[in-house]
PDB file of N, CA and C in Angstrom:
ATOM      1  N   MET A   1      -1.426  -0.474 -12.084  1.00  0.00           N
ATOM      2  CA  MET A   1      -2.550  -0.034 -11.316  1.00  0.00           C
ATOM      3  C   MET A   1      -3.217   1.172 -11.974  1.00  0.00           C
ATOM      4  N   PRO A   2      -3.564   1.020 -13.231  1.00  0.00           N
ATOM      5  CA  PRO A   2      -4.203   2.140 -13.925  1.00  0.00           C
ATOM      6  C   PRO A   2      -5.561   2.505 -13.331  1.00  0.00           C
ATOM      7  N   GLY A   3      -6.279   1.533 -12.807  1.00  0.00           N
ATOM      8  CA  GLY A   3      -7.570   1.830 -12.184  1.00  0.00           C
ATOM      9  C   GLY A   3      -7.407   2.722 -10.970  1.00  0.00           C
ATOM     10  N   LEU A   4      -6.413   2.433 -10.155  1.00  0.00           N
ATOM     11  CA  LEU A   4      -6.154   3.242  -8.968  1.00  0.00           C
ATOM     12  C   LEU A   4      -5.739   4.648  -9.378  1.00  0.00           C
ATOM     13  N   LYS A   5      -4.940   4.749 -10.405  1.00  0.00           N
ATOM     14  CA  LYS A   5      -4.496   6.067 -10.874  1.00  0.00           C
ATOM     15  C   LYS A   5      -5.689   6.912 -11.320  1.00  0.00           C
ATOM     16  N   ARG A   6      -6.654   6.292 -11.998  1.00  0.00           N
ATOM     17  CA  ARG A   6      -7.862   7.016 -12.425  1.00  0.00           C
ATOM     18  C   ARG A   6      -8.680   7.466 -11.220  1.00  0.00           C
ATOM     19  N   ILE A   7      -8.781   6.606 -10.209  1.00  0.00           N
ATOM     20  CA  ILE A   7      -9.524   6.966  -9.004  1.00  0.00           C
ATOM     21  C   ILE A   7      -8.858   8.141  -8.302  1.00  0.00           C
ATOM     22  N   VAL A   8      -7.542   8.061  -8.145  1.00  0.00           N
ATOM     23  CA  VAL A   8      -6.806   9.138  -7.479  1.00  0.00           C
ATOM     24  C   VAL A   8      -7.018  10.457  -8.208  1.00  0.00           C
ATOM     25  N   SER A   9      -6.940  10.437  -9.527  1.00  0.00           N
ATOM     26  CA  SER A   9      -7.079  11.682 -10.278  1.00  0.00           C
ATOM     27  C   SER A   9      -8.503  12.227 -10.232  1.00  0.00           C
ATOM     28  N   ALA A  10      -9.482  11.374  -9.967  1.00  0.00           N
ATOM     29  CA  ALA A  10     -10.878  11.817  -9.915  1.00  0.00           C
ATOM     30  C   ALA A  10     -11.311  12.267  -8.517  1.00  0.00           C
ATOM     31  N   CYS A  11     -10.513  11.982  -7.510  1.00  0.00           N
ATOM     32  CA  CYS A  11     -10.902  12.282  -6.129  1.00  0.00           C
ATOM     33  C   CYS A  11     -10.317  13.597  -5.638  1.00  0.00           C
ATOM     34  N   THR A  12     -11.068  14.219  -4.757  1.00  0.00           N
ATOM     35  CA  THR A  12     -10.576  15.449  -4.125  1.00  0.00           C
ATOM     36  C   THR A  12     -10.090  15.183  -2.704  1.00  0.00           C
ATOM     37  N   VAL A  13     -10.178  13.938  -2.285  1.00  0.00           N
ATOM     38  CA  VAL A  13      -9.693  13.544  -0.959  1.00  0.00           C
ATOM     39  C   VAL A  13      -8.594  12.502  -1.140  1.00  0.00           C
ATOM     40  N   PRO A  14      -7.740  12.321  -0.141  1.00  0.00           N
ATOM     41  CA  PRO A  14      -6.694  11.302  -0.251  1.00  0.00           C
ATOM     42  C   PRO A  14      -7.290   9.903  -0.432  1.00  0.00           C
ATOM     43  N   VAL A  15      -6.653   9.111  -1.248  1.00  0.00           N
ATOM     44  CA  VAL A  15      -7.114   7.745  -1.531  1.00  0.00           C
ATOM     45  C   VAL A  15      -6.264   6.754  -0.745  1.00  0.00           C
ATOM     46  N   VAL A  16      -6.942   5.834  -0.063  1.00  0.00           N
ATOM     47  CA  VAL A  16      -6.287   4.776   0.702  1.00  0.00           C
ATOM     48  C   VAL A  16      -6.515   3.462  -0.034  1.00  0.00           C
ATOM     49  N   ALA A  17      -5.440   2.792  -0.389  1.00  0.00           N
ATOM     50  CA  ALA A  17      -5.531   1.495  -1.060  1.00  0.00           C
ATOM     51  C   ALA A  17      -5.682   0.404  -0.001  1.00  0.00           C
ATOM     52  N   ILE A  18      -6.529  -0.573  -0.269  1.00  0.00           N
ATOM     53  CA  ILE A  18      -6.769  -1.650   0.681  1.00  0.00           C
ATOM     54  C   ILE A  18      -7.143  -2.916  -0.081  1.00  0.00           C
ATOM     55  N   GLY A  19      -6.721  -4.044   0.439  1.00  0.00           N
ATOM     56  CA  GLY A  19      -7.152  -5.313  -0.122  1.00  0.00           C
ATOM     57  C   GLY A  19      -6.056  -6.137  -0.763  1.00  0.00           C
ATOM     58  N   GLY A  20      -5.531  -7.104  -0.046  1.00  0.00           N
ATOM     59  CA  GLY A  20      -4.568  -8.039  -0.605  1.00  0.00           C
ATOM     60  C   GLY A  20      -3.218  -7.436  -0.934  1.00  0.00           C
ATOM     61  N   LEU A  21      -2.856  -6.394  -0.258  1.00  0.00           N
ATOM     62  CA  LEU A  21      -1.615  -5.692  -0.563  1.00  0.00           C
ATOM     63  C   LEU A  21      -0.428  -6.257   0.198  1.00  0.00           C
ATOM     64  N   THR A  22       0.738  -6.151  -0.427  1.00  0.00           N
ATOM     65  CA  THR A  22       1.989  -6.565   0.204  1.00  0.00           C
ATOM     66  C   THR A  22       3.015  -5.454   0.004  1.00  0.00           C
ATOM     67  N   ALA A  23       4.159  -5.610   0.623  1.00  0.00           N
ATOM     68  CA  ALA A  23       5.230  -4.626   0.461  1.00  0.00           C
ATOM     69  C   ALA A  23       5.640  -4.504  -1.005  1.00  0.00           C
ATOM     70  N   ALA A  24       5.534  -5.572  -1.756  1.00  0.00           N
ATOM     71  CA  ALA A  24       5.908  -5.545  -3.175  1.00  0.00           C
ATOM     72  C   ALA A  24       4.991  -4.636  -3.996  1.00  0.00           C
ATOM     73  N   ASP A  25       3.784  -4.381  -3.513  1.00  0.00           N
ATOM     74  CA  ASP A  25       2.828  -3.519  -4.222  1.00  0.00           C
ATOM     75  C   ASP A  25       3.092  -2.032  -4.005  1.00  0.00           C
ATOM     76  N   ILE A  26       3.841  -1.699  -2.994  1.00  0.00           N
ATOM     77  CA  ILE A  26       3.973  -0.305  -2.580  1.00  0.00           C
ATOM     78  C   ILE A  26       4.540   0.614  -3.661  1.00  0.00           C
ATOM     79  N   PRO A  27       5.574   0.238  -4.393  1.00  0.00           N
ATOM     80  CA  PRO A  27       6.049   1.169  -5.436  1.00  0.00           C
ATOM     81  C   PRO A  27       4.949   1.536  -6.447  1.00  0.00           C
ATOM     82  N   ASP A  28       4.160   0.562  -6.855  1.00  0.00           N
ATOM     83  CA  ASP A  28       3.075   0.833  -7.802  1.00  0.00           C
ATOM     84  C   ASP A  28       1.973   1.671  -7.167  1.00  0.00           C
ATOM     85  N   LEU A  29       1.663   1.412  -5.902  1.00  0.00           N
ATOM     86  CA  LEU A  29       0.640   2.204  -5.204  1.00  0.00           C
ATOM     87  C   LEU A  29       1.070   3.660  -5.115  1.00  0.00           C
ATOM     88  N   ARG A  30       2.305   3.875  -4.757  1.00  0.00           N
ATOM     89  CA  ARG A  30       2.814   5.249  -4.646  1.00  0.00           C
ATOM     90  C   ARG A  30       2.820   5.922  -6.015  1.00  0.00           C
ATOM     91  N   ALA A  31       3.256   5.188  -7.037  1.00  0.00           N
ATOM     92  CA  ALA A  31       3.291   5.747  -8.394  1.00  0.00           C
ATOM     93  C   ALA A  31       1.886   6.121  -8.876  1.00  0.00           C
ATOM     94  N   ALA A  32       0.885   5.363  -8.434  1.00  0.00           N
ATOM     95  CA  ALA A  32      -0.500   5.651  -8.818  1.00  0.00           C
ATOM     96  C   ALA A  32      -1.081   6.808  -8.018  1.00  0.00           C
ATOM     97  N   GLY A  33      -0.404   7.194  -6.936  1.00  0.00           N
ATOM     98  CA  GLY A  33      -0.855   8.342  -6.166  1.00  0.00           C
ATOM     99  C   GLY A  33      -1.599   8.029  -4.889  1.00  0.00           C
ATOM    100  N   ALA A  34      -1.578   6.781  -4.444  1.00  0.00           N
ATOM    101  CA  ALA A  34      -2.246   6.434  -3.185  1.00  0.00           C
ATOM    102  C   ALA A  34      -1.612   7.221  -2.040  1.00  0.00           C
ATOM    103  N   ALA A  35      -2.461   7.751  -1.166  1.00  0.00           N
ATOM    104  CA  ALA A  35      -1.969   8.522  -0.023  1.00  0.00           C
ATOM    105  C   ALA A  35      -1.508   7.613   1.104  1.00  0.00           C
ATOM    106  N   ARG A  36      -2.137   6.477   1.222  1.00  0.00           N
ATOM    107  CA  ARG A  36      -1.841   5.503   2.275  1.00  0.00           C
ATOM    108  C   ARG A  36      -2.268   4.122   1.791  1.00  0.00           C
ATOM    109  N   LEU A  37      -1.943   3.107   2.595  1.00  0.00           N
ATOM    110  CA  LEU A  37      -2.459   1.784   2.337  1.00  0.00           C
ATOM    111  C   LEU A  37      -2.884   1.165   3.662  1.00  0.00           C
ATOM    112  N   ALA A  38      -3.806   0.237   3.576  1.00  0.00           N
ATOM    113  CA  ALA A  38      -4.272  -0.473   4.758  1.00  0.00           C
ATOM    114  C   ALA A  38      -4.076  -1.956   4.510  1.00  0.00           C
ATOM    115  N   VAL A  39      -3.501  -2.633   5.479  1.00  0.00           N
ATOM    116  CA  VAL A  39      -3.236  -4.061   5.332  1.00  0.00           C
ATOM    117  C   VAL A  39      -3.680  -4.809   6.573  1.00  0.00           C
ATOM    118  N   VAL A  40      -4.051  -6.038   6.381  1.00  0.00           N
ATOM    119  CA  VAL A  40      -4.349  -6.937   7.492  1.00  0.00           C
ATOM    120  C   VAL A  40      -3.619  -8.249   7.253  1.00  0.00           C
ATOM    121  N   SER A  41      -3.983  -8.941   6.179  1.00  0.00           N
ATOM    122  CA  SER A  41      -3.441 -10.279   5.948  1.00  0.00           C
ATOM    123  C   SER A  41      -1.931 -10.270   5.712  1.00  0.00           C
ATOM    124  N   ALA A  42      -1.385  -9.187   5.162  1.00  0.00           N
ATOM    125  CA  ALA A  42       0.065  -9.123   4.952  1.00  0.00           C
ATOM    126  C   ALA A  42       0.819  -9.220   6.274  1.00  0.00           C
ATOM    127  N   VAL A  43       0.161  -8.824   7.352  1.00  0.00           N
ATOM    128  CA  VAL A  43       0.778  -8.901   8.674  1.00  0.00           C
ATOM    129  C   VAL A  43       0.309 -10.141   9.424  1.00  0.00           C
ATOM    130  N   THR A  44      -0.986 -10.369   9.471  1.00  0.00           N
ATOM    131  CA  THR A  44      -1.510 -11.464  10.297  1.00  0.00           C
ATOM    132  C   THR A  44      -1.179 -12.842   9.753  1.00  0.00           C
ATOM    133  N   ARG A  45      -0.967 -12.960   8.452  1.00  0.00           N
ATOM    134  CA  ARG A  45      -0.637 -14.262   7.862  1.00  0.00           C
ATOM    135  C   ARG A  45       0.864 -14.476   7.693  1.00  0.00           C
ATOM    136  N   ALA A  46       1.636 -13.495   8.039  1.00  0.00           N
ATOM    137  CA  ALA A  46       3.088 -13.609   7.897  1.00  0.00           C
ATOM    138  C   ALA A  46       3.669 -14.495   8.996  1.00  0.00           C
ATOM    139  N   PRO A  47       4.686 -15.277   8.673  1.00  0.00           N
ATOM    140  CA  PRO A  47       5.337 -16.093   9.706  1.00  0.00           C
ATOM    141  C   PRO A  47       5.930 -15.239  10.827  1.00  0.00           C
ATOM    142  N   ASP A  48       6.371 -14.046  10.461  1.00  0.00           N
ATOM    143  CA  ASP A  48       6.926 -13.105  11.432  1.00  0.00           C
ATOM    144  C   ASP A  48       6.211 -11.764  11.241  1.00  0.00           C
ATOM    145  N   PRO A  49       5.105 -11.548  11.962  1.00  0.00           N
ATOM    146  CA  PRO A  49       4.320 -10.324  11.784  1.00  0.00           C
ATOM    147  C   PRO A  49       5.124  -9.039  12.016  1.00  0.00           C
ATOM    148  N   GLU A  50       6.038  -9.071  12.968  1.00  0.00           N
ATOM    149  CA  GLU A  50       6.836  -7.871  13.211  1.00  0.00           C
ATOM    150  C   GLU A  50       7.715  -7.548  12.007  1.00  0.00           C
ATOM    151  N   ALA A  51       8.349  -8.547  11.440  1.00  0.00           N
ATOM    152  CA  ALA A  51       9.194  -8.338  10.263  1.00  0.00           C
ATOM    153  C   ALA A  51       8.354  -7.871   9.072  1.00  0.00           C
ATOM    154  N   ALA A  52       7.162  -8.428   8.923  1.00  0.00           N
ATOM    155  CA  ALA A  52       6.278  -8.019   7.832  1.00  0.00           C
ATOM    156  C   ALA A  52       5.871  -6.561   7.993  1.00  0.00           C
ATOM    157  N   THR A  53       5.580  -6.167   9.215  1.00  0.00           N
ATOM    158  CA  THR A  53       5.209  -4.780   9.485  1.00  0.00           C
ATOM    159  C   THR A  53       6.362  -3.842   9.185  1.00  0.00           C
ATOM    160  N   ARG A  54       7.553  -4.243   9.601  1.00  0.00           N
ATOM    161  CA  ARG A  54       8.734  -3.409   9.314  1.00  0.00           C
ATOM    162  C   ARG A  54       8.973  -3.294   7.801  1.00  0.00           C
ATOM    163  N   ALA A  55       8.802  -4.390   7.083  1.00  0.00           N
ATOM    164  CA  ALA A  55       9.006  -4.370   5.629  1.00  0.00           C
ATOM    165  C   ALA A  55       8.003  -3.427   4.959  1.00  0.00           C
ATOM    166  N   LEU A  56       6.755  -3.474   5.402  1.00  0.00           N
ATOM    167  CA  LEU A  56       5.744  -2.569   4.854  1.00  0.00           C
ATOM    168  C   LEU A  56       6.096  -1.117   5.164  1.00  0.00           C
ATOM    169  N   HIS A  57       6.441  -0.865   6.377  1.00  0.00           N
ATOM    170  CA  HIS A  57       6.805   0.493   6.801  1.00  0.00           C
ATOM    171  C   HIS A  57       8.005   0.995   6.014  1.00  0.00           C
ATOM    172  N   ASP A  58       9.036   0.187   5.928  1.00  0.00           N
ATOM    173  CA  ASP A  58      10.248   0.595   5.215  1.00  0.00           C
ATOM    174  C   ASP A  58       9.968   0.824   3.720  1.00  0.00           C
ATOM    175  N   ALA A  59       9.168  -0.042   3.130  1.00  0.00           N
ATOM    176  CA  ALA A  59       8.848   0.111   1.711  1.00  0.00           C
ATOM    177  C   ALA A  59       8.051   1.399   1.462  1.00  0.00           C
ATOM    178  N   TRP A  60       7.156   1.742   2.376  1.00  0.00           N
ATOM    179  CA  TRP A  60       6.366   2.960   2.215  1.00  0.00           C
ATOM    180  C   TRP A  60       7.241   4.205   2.346  1.00  0.00           C
ATOM    181  N   ARG A  61       8.178   4.173   3.239  1.00  0.00           N
ATOM    182  CA  ARG A  61       9.039   5.345   3.481  1.00  0.00           C
ATOM    183  C   ARG A  61      10.109   5.524   2.424  1.00  0.00           C
ATOM    184  N   ARG A  62      10.382   4.461   1.657  1.00  0.00           N
ATOM    185  CA  ARG A  62      11.392   4.535   0.592  1.00  0.00           C
ATOM    186  C   ARG A  62      10.901   5.480  -0.500  1.00  0.00           C
ATOM    187  N   PRO A  63      11.764   6.361  -0.979  1.00  0.00           N
ATOM    188  CA  PRO A  63      11.331   7.307  -2.035  1.00  0.00           C
ATOM    189  C   PRO A  63      11.087   6.631  -3.370  1.00  0.00           C
TER     190      PRO A  63
END
């Protein structure tokens, strides 16, 4: 996610990543410096939306 890293370094406000993201993307988003992420389809299209939400939450909180 070199593009995101460039955006983060150029911004003076926190950057929120959005668009087609899954729990698997979170380590790279955090490494690039994203302050938060916004998801819709990762939850609404999941067979178990609650489990998907927990996975996203847990992945974000992981160091």
